C-alpha cells in the first residue's frame, strides 16, 4: 500500500500534470462503493478544471475550480495510470477524461480502491501536521495499552503512516515496535515526534530520487530496516522479523522494549 511519502510525491506530480485541465467526463466503472449517485459526481466535477492535487492522510484529493473535491483512496493494490483518449486497463474503478484527451484511470484488481465526493475533513491529526507534537503523543500514549507499532498504524489515532514507515520511524527513535504505549518515557516520546517528521520527509526525497515523476506504486529499495534485502542495520545490528498486528515487522535489538 502506498504510504505518506509515496502519496506526497504522487500529489505533487499529479498537480504538475493536471493543473488547469478541464474535466470532460468522469466515469465510475465500479459503483458498489460510492455513497452518492454517479450523476452527482458528474454534475459537480465535469466542466471544471483541476486546481491542485494534495494528500490527506492516506488519500489523494483532487480540488476543482468550483471548490468541489474528489477523494481517492488506493487501498492495498490500487494503481493510477495516465492514458490518451481511451483507457485500456481492465480493472478500472473510475476514469477521468480531460478535454485535451489526457485521462487518469484508477485501477484495482481487488476492487477495494475507493473514490468519494467532498470527503469529510478528519479530526485525526496527520503525521506531518503541527498537531502531531509532544503534547499530543504524550496525551494519546498515556492511556493506550496497545503496542506502539499498532498505534502508529491506527488511522483513527494518527493519519498517514503505514507498515514500512512505522518500522523505519521506530528504529530511528530506538523504540521496540512491541513496546506498550503507556510505558514509553517522555524523553523517548520526544524522540518519536522527531523521528516521525524526519523519516517521512527524508523518505519523500528518496521516492523523488528513485522514482521521479511517479504517480503510482511503492518505492522501498532505499529503506534501511523494512527491506527484505538488508540483513543488518546501518549500525551493523542484525535485522529481525516478526508479526505485529498481522503485519510483518522489521526491527533490531538496538531498539529498547518498554513494557
C-alpha atoms as a PDB file:
ATOM      1  CA  UNK A   1       0.000   0.000   0.000  1.00  0.00           C
ATOM      2  CA  UNK A   2       1.355   3.475  -0.848  1.00  0.00           C
ATOM      3  CA  UNK A   3       2.194   5.376   2.317  1.00  0.00           C
ATOM      4  CA  UNK A   4       2.539   9.041   3.146  1.00  0.00           C
ATOM      5  CA  UNK A   5       5.859   9.702   1.313  1.00  0.00           C
ATOM      6  CA  UNK A   6       4.614   7.954  -1.846  1.00  0.00           C
ATOM      7  CA  UNK A   7       1.354   9.887  -1.809  1.00  0.00           C
ATOM      8  CA  UNK A   8       3.143  13.175  -1.231  1.00  0.00           C
ATOM      9  CA  UNK A   9       5.123  12.555  -4.411  1.00  0.00           C
ATOM     10  CA  UNK A  10       2.054  11.378  -6.359  1.00  0.00           C
ATOM     11  CA  UNK A  11       0.145  14.524  -5.396  1.00  0.00           C
ATOM     12  CA  UNK A  12       2.949  16.858  -6.491  1.00  0.00           C
ATOM     13  CA  UNK A  13       3.402  15.039  -9.804  1.00  0.00           C
ATOM     14  CA  UNK A  14      -0.333  14.862 -10.493  1.00  0.00           C
ATOM     15  CA  UNK A  15      -0.631  18.595  -9.824  1.00  0.00           C
ATOM     16  CA  UNK A  16       2.094  19.245 -12.408  1.00  0.00           C
ATOM     17  CA  UNK A  17       0.304  17.046 -14.955  1.00  0.00           C
ATOM     18  CA  UNK A  18      -3.324  18.002 -14.343  1.00  0.00           C
ATOM     19  CA  UNK A  19      -3.380  21.565 -13.013  1.00  0.00           C
ATOM     20  CA  UNK A  20      -5.588  23.733 -15.218  1.00  0.00           C
ATOM     21  CA  UNK A  21      -7.022  20.822 -17.223  1.00  0.00           C
ATOM     22  CA  UNK A  22     -10.792  20.764 -17.611  1.00  0.00           C
ATOM     23  CA  UNK A  23     -12.585  17.524 -16.779  1.00  0.00           C
ATOM     24  CA  UNK A  24     -14.644  16.441 -19.771  1.00  0.00           C
ATOM     25  CA  UNK A  25     -16.028  13.219 -18.330  1.00  0.00           C
ATOM     26  CA  UNK A  26     -15.852  11.161 -15.152  1.00  0.00           C
ATOM     27  CA  UNK A  27     -16.897   7.519 -15.394  1.00  0.00           C
ATOM     28  CA  UNK A  28     -17.281   5.344 -12.322  1.00  0.00           C
ATOM     29  CA  UNK A  29     -16.990   1.776 -13.554  1.00  0.00           C
ATOM     30  CA  UNK A  30     -17.161   0.067 -10.169  1.00  0.00           C
ATOM     31  CA  UNK A  31     -20.075   1.677  -8.371  1.00  0.00           C
ATOM     32  CA  UNK A  32     -20.504  -0.623  -5.363  1.00  0.00           C
ATOM     33  CA  UNK A  33     -18.506   1.583  -3.008  1.00  0.00           C
ATOM     34  CA  UNK A  34     -19.667   5.069  -3.932  1.00  0.00           C
ATOM     35  CA  UNK A  35     -22.001   6.754  -1.442  1.00  0.00           C
ATOM     36  CA  UNK A  36     -23.679   9.198  -3.831  1.00  0.00           C
ATOM     37  CA  UNK A  37     -25.072   8.590  -7.351  1.00  0.00           C
ATOM     38  CA  UNK A  38     -22.652   8.790 -10.261  1.00  0.00           C
ATOM     39  CA  UNK A  39     -24.791  11.626 -11.627  1.00  0.00           C
ATOM     40  CA  UNK A  40     -23.778  13.791  -8.670  1.00  0.00           C
ATOM     41  CA  UNK A  41     -20.068  13.260  -9.423  1.00  0.00           C
ATOM     42  CA  UNK A  42     -20.753  14.346 -12.996  1.00  0.00           C
ATOM     43  CA  UNK A  43     -22.832  17.401 -12.072  1.00  0.00           C
ATOM     44  CA  UNK A  44     -20.260  18.724  -9.623  1.00  0.00           C
ATOM     45  CA  UNK A  45     -16.982  17.847 -11.376  1.00  0.00           C
ATOM     46  CA  UNK A  46     -17.443  17.814 -15.133  1.00  0.00           C
ATOM     47  CA  UNK A  47     -16.595  21.069 -16.995  1.00  0.00           C
ATOM     48  CA  UNK A  48     -14.456  22.089 -14.010  1.00  0.00           C
ATOM     49  CA  UNK A  49     -10.678  22.469 -14.086  1.00  0.00           C
ATOM     50  CA  UNK A  50      -8.194  20.997 -11.612  1.00  0.00           C
ATOM     51  CA  UNK A  51      -6.756  23.484  -9.141  1.00  0.00           C
ATOM     52  CA  UNK A  52      -4.426  21.080  -7.391  1.00  0.00           C
ATOM     53  CA  UNK A  53      -3.957  17.547  -6.101  1.00  0.00           C
ATOM     54  CA  UNK A  54      -2.971  17.132  -2.475  1.00  0.00           C
ATOM     55  CA  UNK A  55      -2.692  14.429   0.182  1.00  0.00           C
ATOM     56  CA  UNK A  56      -4.840  13.929   3.278  1.00  0.00           C
ATOM     57  CA  UNK A  57      -3.629  11.052   5.446  1.00  0.00           C
ATOM     58  CA  UNK A  58      -3.503   8.069   3.077  1.00  0.00           C
ATOM     59  CA  UNK A  59      -5.813   9.654   0.499  1.00  0.00           C
ATOM     60  CA  UNK A  60      -5.368  11.832  -2.562  1.00  0.00           C
ATOM     61  CA  UNK A  61      -7.651  14.829  -3.003  1.00  0.00           C
ATOM     62  CA  UNK A  62      -8.372  16.489  -6.366  1.00  0.00           C
ATOM     63  CA  UNK A  63      -9.606  20.048  -5.883  1.00  0.00           C
ATOM     64  CA  UNK A  64     -11.614  21.546  -8.751  1.00  0.00           C
ATOM     65  CA  UNK A  65     -12.222  25.153  -9.761  1.00  0.00           C
ATOM     66  CA  UNK A  66     -15.735  25.269  -8.256  1.00  0.00           C
ATOM     67  CA  UNK A  67     -14.417  24.112  -4.865  1.00  0.00           C
ATOM     68  CA  UNK A  68     -15.641  20.510  -5.097  1.00  0.00           C
ATOM     69  CA  UNK A  69     -13.194  17.773  -4.175  1.00  0.00           C
ATOM     70  CA  UNK A  70     -12.737  14.244  -5.466  1.00  0.00           C
ATOM     71  CA  UNK A  71     -11.124  11.917  -2.923  1.00  0.00           C
ATOM     72  CA  UNK A  72      -9.215   8.757  -3.859  1.00  0.00           C
ATOM     73  CA  UNK A  73      -8.013   6.018  -1.535  1.00  0.00           C
ATOM     74  CA  UNK A  74      -5.793   3.495  -3.315  1.00  0.00           C
ATOM     75  CA  UNK A  75      -6.142   0.924  -0.523  1.00  0.00           C
ATOM     76  CA  UNK A  76      -3.758  -2.049  -0.825  1.00  0.00           C
ATOM     77  CA  UNK A  77      -3.496  -2.605  -4.590  1.00  0.00           C
ATOM     78  CA  UNK A  78      -4.912   0.488  -6.266  1.00  0.00           C
ATOM     79  CA  UNK A  79      -2.885   1.907  -9.161  1.00  0.00           C
ATOM     80  CA  UNK A  80      -3.117   5.167 -11.092  1.00  0.00           C
ATOM     81  CA  UNK A  81      -2.447   5.293 -14.835  1.00  0.00           C
ATOM     82  CA  UNK A  82      -2.381   8.063 -17.394  1.00  0.00           C
ATOM     83  CA  UNK A  83      -3.872   7.303 -20.806  1.00  0.00           C
ATOM     84  CA  UNK A  84      -4.682   9.120 -24.051  1.00  0.00           C
ATOM     85  CA  UNK A  85      -8.312   9.283 -25.213  1.00  0.00           C
ATOM     86  CA  UNK A  86      -9.148   5.646 -24.362  1.00  0.00           C
ATOM     87  CA  UNK A  87      -8.496   3.669 -21.189  1.00  0.00           C
ATOM     88  CA  UNK A  88      -7.272   0.142 -21.969  1.00  0.00           C
ATOM     89  CA  UNK A  89      -6.958  -1.068 -18.377  1.00  0.00           C
ATOM     90  CA  UNK A  90      -9.297  -3.908 -17.407  1.00  0.00           C
ATOM     91  CA  UNK A  91      -9.772  -3.495 -13.640  1.00  0.00           C
ATOM     92  CA  UNK A  92     -10.870   0.118 -13.586  1.00  0.00           C
ATOM     93  CA  UNK A  93     -12.629   1.648 -10.605  1.00  0.00           C
ATOM     94  CA  UNK A  94     -13.003   5.098 -12.175  1.00  0.00           C
ATOM     95  CA  UNK A  95     -11.615   7.158 -15.007  1.00  0.00           C
ATOM     96  CA  UNK A  96     -11.248  10.899 -15.537  1.00  0.00           C
ATOM     97  CA  UNK A  97     -11.011  12.148 -19.112  1.00  0.00           C
ATOM     98  CA  UNK A  98      -9.914  15.730 -19.685  1.00  0.00           C
ATOM     99  CA  UNK A  99     -10.732  17.964 -22.654  1.00  0.00           C
ATOM    100  CA  UNK A 100      -7.204  17.681 -24.087  1.00  0.00           C
ATOM    101  CA  UNK A 101      -7.574  13.898 -24.429  1.00  0.00           C
ATOM    102  CA  UNK A 102      -5.460  13.010 -21.391  1.00  0.00           C
ATOM    103  CA  UNK A 103      -7.095  10.625 -18.953  1.00  0.00           C
ATOM    104  CA  UNK A 104      -6.413   9.264 -15.484  1.00  0.00           C
ATOM    105  CA  UNK A 105      -7.574   5.765 -14.533  1.00  0.00           C
ATOM    106  CA  UNK A 106      -7.819   4.295 -11.048  1.00  0.00           C
ATOM    107  CA  UNK A 107      -7.411   0.516 -11.296  1.00  0.00           C
ATOM    108  CA  UNK A 108      -7.618  -2.164  -8.617  1.00  0.00           C
ATOM    109  CA  UNK A 109      -7.946  -5.885  -9.337  1.00  0.00           C
ATOM    110  CA  UNK A 110      -9.174  -6.391  -5.762  1.00  0.00           C
ATOM    111  CA  UNK A 111     -11.922  -3.808  -6.198  1.00  0.00           C
ATOM    112  CA  UNK A 112     -11.046  -2.119  -2.880  1.00  0.00           C
ATOM    113  CA  UNK A 113      -9.855   1.322  -4.047  1.00  0.00           C
ATOM    114  CA  UNK A 114     -12.469   3.990  -3.406  1.00  0.00           C
ATOM    115  CA  UNK A 115     -13.495   7.427  -4.637  1.00  0.00           C
ATOM    116  CA  UNK A 116     -15.569   9.945  -2.707  1.00  0.00           C
ATOM    117  CA  UNK A 117     -17.165  13.284  -3.450  1.00  0.00           C
ATOM    118  CA  UNK A 118     -16.336  16.080  -1.000  1.00  0.00           C
ATOM    119  CA  UNK A 119     -14.948  13.761   1.702  1.00  0.00           C
ATOM    120  CA  UNK A 120     -15.284  14.857   5.297  1.00  0.00           C
ATOM    121  CA  UNK A 121     -12.347  16.583   6.941  1.00  0.00           C
ATOM    122  CA  UNK A 122     -10.870  14.265   9.549  1.00  0.00           C
ATOM    123  CA  UNK A 123     -10.254  15.453  13.104  1.00  0.00           C
ATOM    124  CA  UNK A 124      -7.417  12.942  13.465  1.00  0.00           C
ATOM    125  CA  UNK A 125      -4.008  14.629  13.106  1.00  0.00           C
ATOM    126  CA  UNK A 126      -1.918  13.957  10.028  1.00  0.00           C
ATOM    127  CA  UNK A 127       1.560  12.621  10.786  1.00  0.00           C
ATOM    128  CA  UNK A 128       3.183  15.723   9.262  1.00  0.00           C
ATOM    129  CA  UNK A 129       0.811  18.279  10.763  1.00  0.00           C
ATOM    130  CA  UNK A 130       1.800  20.676  13.541  1.00  0.00           C
ATOM    131  CA  UNK A 131      -0.784  18.933  15.743  1.00  0.00           C
ATOM    132  CA  UNK A 132       1.434  15.858  15.817  1.00  0.00           C
ATOM    133  CA  UNK A 133       3.657  17.110  18.607  1.00  0.00           C
ATOM    134  CA  UNK A 134       4.924  16.076  22.036  1.00  0.00           C
ATOM    135  CA  UNK A 135       1.777  17.181  23.869  1.00  0.00           C
ATOM    136  CA  UNK A 136      -0.459  15.174  21.526  1.00  0.00           C
ATOM    137  CA  UNK A 137       1.590  11.966  21.685  1.00  0.00           C
ATOM    138  CA  UNK A 138       2.045  12.195  25.468  1.00  0.00           C
ATOM    139  CA  UNK A 139      -1.704  12.519  25.921  1.00  0.00           C
ATOM    140  CA  UNK A 140      -2.593   9.719  23.496  1.00  0.00           C
ATOM    141  CA  UNK A 141       0.047   7.221  24.614  1.00  0.00           C
ATOM    142  CA  UNK A 142      -0.548   7.724  28.334  1.00  0.00           C
ATOM    143  CA  UNK A 143      -3.900   5.939  28.217  1.00  0.00           C
ATOM    144  CA  UNK A 144      -3.138   3.409  25.490  1.00  0.00           C
ATOM    145  CA  UNK A 145      -2.354  -0.209  26.330  1.00  0.00           C
ATOM    146  CA  UNK A 146      -1.637  -1.379  22.791  1.00  0.00           C
ATOM    147  CA  UNK A 147       1.826  -1.580  21.240  1.00  0.00           C
ATOM    148  CA  UNK A 148       3.420   1.489  19.711  1.00  0.00           C
ATOM    149  CA  UNK A 149       3.552  -0.173  16.274  1.00  0.00           C
ATOM    150  CA  UNK A 150      -0.205  -0.742  16.319  1.00  0.00           C
ATOM    151  CA  UNK A 151      -0.760   2.834  17.494  1.00  0.00           C
ATOM    152  CA  UNK A 152       1.211   4.277  14.593  1.00  0.00           C
ATOM    153  CA  UNK A 153      -0.763   2.161  12.126  1.00  0.00           C
ATOM    154  CA  UNK A 154      -4.164   3.166  13.517  1.00  0.00           C
ATOM    155  CA  UNK A 155      -5.535   5.801  11.117  1.00  0.00           C
ATOM    156  CA  UNK A 156      -8.070   6.822  13.761  1.00  0.00           C
ATOM    157  CA  UNK A 157      -5.174   7.858  16.019  1.00  0.00           C
ATOM    158  CA  UNK A 158      -2.652   9.258  13.544  1.00  0.00           C
ATOM    159  CA  UNK A 159      -3.069   9.511   9.775  1.00  0.00           C
ATOM    160  CA  UNK A 160      -0.590   8.647   7.038  1.00  0.00           C
ATOM    161  CA  UNK A 161       1.830   6.087   8.490  1.00  0.00           C
ATOM    162  CA  UNK A 162       1.790   2.514   7.201  1.00  0.00           C
ATOM    163  CA  UNK A 163       3.668  -0.675   7.963  1.00  0.00           C
ATOM    164  CA  UNK A 164       7.003   0.084   6.316  1.00  0.00           C
ATOM    165  CA  UNK A 165       7.440   3.592   7.696  1.00  0.00           C
ATOM    166  CA  UNK A 166       6.272   2.626  11.174  1.00  0.00           C
ATOM    167  CA  UNK A 167       9.264   0.250  11.269  1.00  0.00           C
ATOM    168  CA  UNK A 168      11.655   2.924   9.996  1.00  0.00           C
ATOM    169  CA  UNK A 169      10.375   5.542  12.449  1.00  0.00           C
ATOM    170  CA  UNK A 170      10.619   3.213  15.439  1.00  0.00           C
ATOM    171  CA  UNK A 171      14.127   2.114  14.523  1.00  0.00           C
ATOM    172  CA  UNK A 172      15.211   5.744  14.190  1.00  0.00           C
ATOM    173  CA  UNK A 173      13.679   6.502  17.609  1.00  0.00           C
ATOM    174  CA  UNK A 174      15.234   3.295  19.030  1.00  0.00           C
ATOM    175  CA  UNK A 175      11.870   2.119  20.383  1.00  0.00           C
ATOM    176  CA  UNK A 176      10.876  -1.525  20.040  1.00  0.00           C
ATOM    177  CA  UNK A 177       7.692  -1.959  17.971  1.00  0.00           C
ATOM    178  CA  UNK A 178       6.400  -4.236  20.749  1.00  0.00           C
ATOM    179  CA  UNK A 179       6.649  -1.553  23.436  1.00  0.00           C
ATOM    180  CA  UNK A 180       3.450  -0.765  25.335  1.00  0.00           C
ATOM    181  CA  UNK A 181       2.415   2.818  24.562  1.00  0.00           C
ATOM    182  CA  UNK A 182       1.782   3.966  28.138  1.00  0.00           C
ATOM    183  CA  UNK A 183       5.163   2.601  29.293  1.00  0.00           C
ATOM    184  CA  UNK A 184       7.233   4.728  26.936  1.00  0.00           C
ATOM    185  CA  UNK A 185       9.004   7.550  28.843  1.00  0.00           C
ATOM    186  CA  UNK A 186       8.663  11.191  27.902  1.00  0.00           C
ATOM    187  CA  UNK A 187      12.201  11.541  26.553  1.00  0.00           C
ATOM    188  CA  UNK A 188      11.507   8.698  24.133  1.00  0.00           C
ATOM    189  CA  UNK A 189       8.174  10.189  23.074  1.00  0.00           C
ATOM    190  CA  UNK A 190      10.024  13.407  22.318  1.00  0.00           C
ATOM    191  CA  UNK A 191      12.415  11.434  20.118  1.00  0.00           C
ATOM    192  CA  UNK A 192       9.484   9.675  18.458  1.00  0.00           C
ATOM    193  CA  UNK A 193       7.978  13.010  17.397  1.00  0.00           C
ATOM    194  CA  UNK A 194      11.298  13.993  15.813  1.00  0.00           C
ATOM    195  CA  UNK A 195      11.651  10.625  14.089  1.00  0.00           C
ATOM    196  CA  UNK A 196       8.151  10.776  12.597  1.00  0.00           C
ATOM    197  CA  UNK A 197       8.847  14.109  10.905  1.00  0.00           C
ATOM    198  CA  UNK A 198      12.427  13.270   9.987  1.00  0.00           C
ATOM    199  CA  UNK A 199      11.810   9.867   8.396  1.00  0.00           C
ATOM    200  CA  UNK A 200       8.701  10.857   6.446  1.00  0.00           C
ATOM    201  CA  UNK A 201      10.315  13.982   4.984  1.00  0.00           C
ATOM    202  CA  UNK A 202      13.528  12.089   4.196  1.00  0.00           C
ATOM    203  CA  UNK A 203      11.560   9.296   2.516  1.00  0.00           C
ATOM    204  CA  UNK A 204       9.674  11.733   0.282  1.00  0.00           C
ATOM    205  CA  UNK A 205      13.001  12.978  -1.054  1.00  0.00           C
ATOM    206  CA  UNK A 206      14.138   9.393  -1.620  1.00  0.00           C
ATOM    207  CA  UNK A 207      10.977   8.469  -3.531  1.00  0.00           C
ATOM    208  CA  UNK A 208      11.544  11.522  -5.735  1.00  0.00           C
ATOM    209  CA  UNK A 209      15.111  10.392  -6.306  1.00  0.00           C
ATOM    210  CA  UNK A 210      14.401   6.734  -7.066  1.00  0.00           C
ATOM    211  CA  UNK A 211      11.115   7.214  -8.948  1.00  0.00           C
ATOM    212  CA  UNK A 212      10.935  10.759 -10.344  1.00  0.00           C
ATOM    213  CA  UNK A 213       7.605  11.602 -11.931  1.00  0.00           C
ATOM    214  CA  UNK A 214       5.835   8.593 -10.430  1.00  0.00           C
ATOM    215  CA  UNK A 215       2.086   8.614  -9.768  1.00  0.00           C
ATOM    216  CA  UNK A 216       1.688   5.011  -8.626  1.00  0.00           C
ATOM    217  CA  UNK A 217       3.381   2.059  -6.905  1.00  0.00           C
ATOM    218  CA  UNK A 218       5.717   1.922  -3.943  1.00  0.00           C
ATOM    219  CA  UNK A 219       9.416   2.787  -3.677  1.00  0.00           C
ATOM    220  CA  UNK A 220      11.040   0.870  -0.839  1.00  0.00           C
ATOM    221  CA  UNK A 221      14.522  -0.067  -2.077  1.00  0.00           C
ATOM    222  CA  UNK A 222      16.203   2.732  -0.120  1.00  0.00           C
ATOM    223  CA  UNK A 223      14.774   1.739   3.284  1.00  0.00           C
ATOM    224  CA  UNK A 224      17.484   0.567   5.714  1.00  0.00           C
ATOM    225  CA  UNK A 225      15.297  -1.548   8.046  1.00  0.00           C
ATOM    226  CA  UNK A 226      11.995  -2.543   6.410  1.00  0.00           C
ATOM    227  CA  UNK A 227      13.790  -4.127   3.484  1.00  0.00           C
ATOM    228  CA  UNK A 228      13.986  -7.875   2.809  1.00  0.00           C
ATOM    229  CA  UNK A 229      17.320  -7.425   1.009  1.00  0.00           C
ATOM    230  CA  UNK A 230      19.067  -5.996   4.056  1.00  0.00           C
ATOM    231  CA  UNK A 231      20.425  -8.249   6.786  1.00  0.00           C
ATOM    232  CA  UNK A 232      21.871  -5.598   9.097  1.00  0.00           C
ATOM    233  CA  UNK A 233      21.006  -2.091  10.199  1.00  0.00           C
ATOM    234  CA  UNK A 234      23.241   0.840   9.212  1.00  0.00           C
ATOM    235  CA  UNK A 235      24.989   0.304  12.589  1.00  0.00           C
ATOM    236  CA  UNK A 236      25.603  -3.387  11.917  1.00  0.00           C
ATOM    237  CA  UNK A 237      22.906  -4.956  14.109  1.00  0.00           C
ATOM    238  CA  UNK A 238      21.067  -7.984  12.658  1.00  0.00           C
ATOM    239  CA  UNK A 239      17.615  -7.127  11.331  1.00  0.00           C
ATOM    240  CA  UNK A 240      14.940  -9.335  12.894  1.00  0.00           C
ATOM    241  CA  UNK A 241      11.414 -10.029  11.654  1.00  0.00           C
ATOM    242  CA  UNK A 242       8.226 -10.883  13.498  1.00  0.00           C
ATOM    243  CA  UNK A 243       4.477 -10.372  13.242  1.00  0.00           C
ATOM    244  CA  UNK A 244       2.754  -7.375  14.828  1.00  0.00           C
ATOM    245  CA  UNK A 245      -0.945  -6.825  14.318  1.00  0.00           C
ATOM    246  CA  UNK A 246      -0.952  -9.295  11.454  1.00  0.00           C
ATOM    247  CA  UNK A 247       1.809  -7.434   9.621  1.00  0.00           C
ATOM    248  CA  UNK A 248       5.441  -8.330   9.094  1.00  0.00           C
ATOM    249  CA  UNK A 249       7.614  -6.196  11.339  1.00  0.00           C
ATOM    250  CA  UNK A 250      11.314  -5.439  10.881  1.00  0.00           C
ATOM    251  CA  UNK A 251      13.354  -4.329  13.893  1.00  0.00           C
ATOM    252  CA  UNK A 252      16.685  -4.773  15.695  1.00  0.00           C
ATOM    253  CA  UNK A 253      17.856  -5.230  19.268  1.00  0.00           C
ATOM    254  CA  UNK A 254      19.123  -1.652  19.145  1.00  0.00           C
ATOM    255  CA  UNK A 255      15.522  -0.699  19.930  1.00  0.00           C
ATOM    256  CA  UNK A 256      14.524  -0.656  23.570  1.00  0.00           C
ATOM    257  CA  UNK A 257      11.452  -2.553  24.751  1.00  0.00           C
ATOM    258  CA  UNK A 258       9.153  -0.773  27.202  1.00  0.00           C
ATOM    259  CA  UNK A 259       6.551  -2.990  28.873  1.00  0.00           C
END
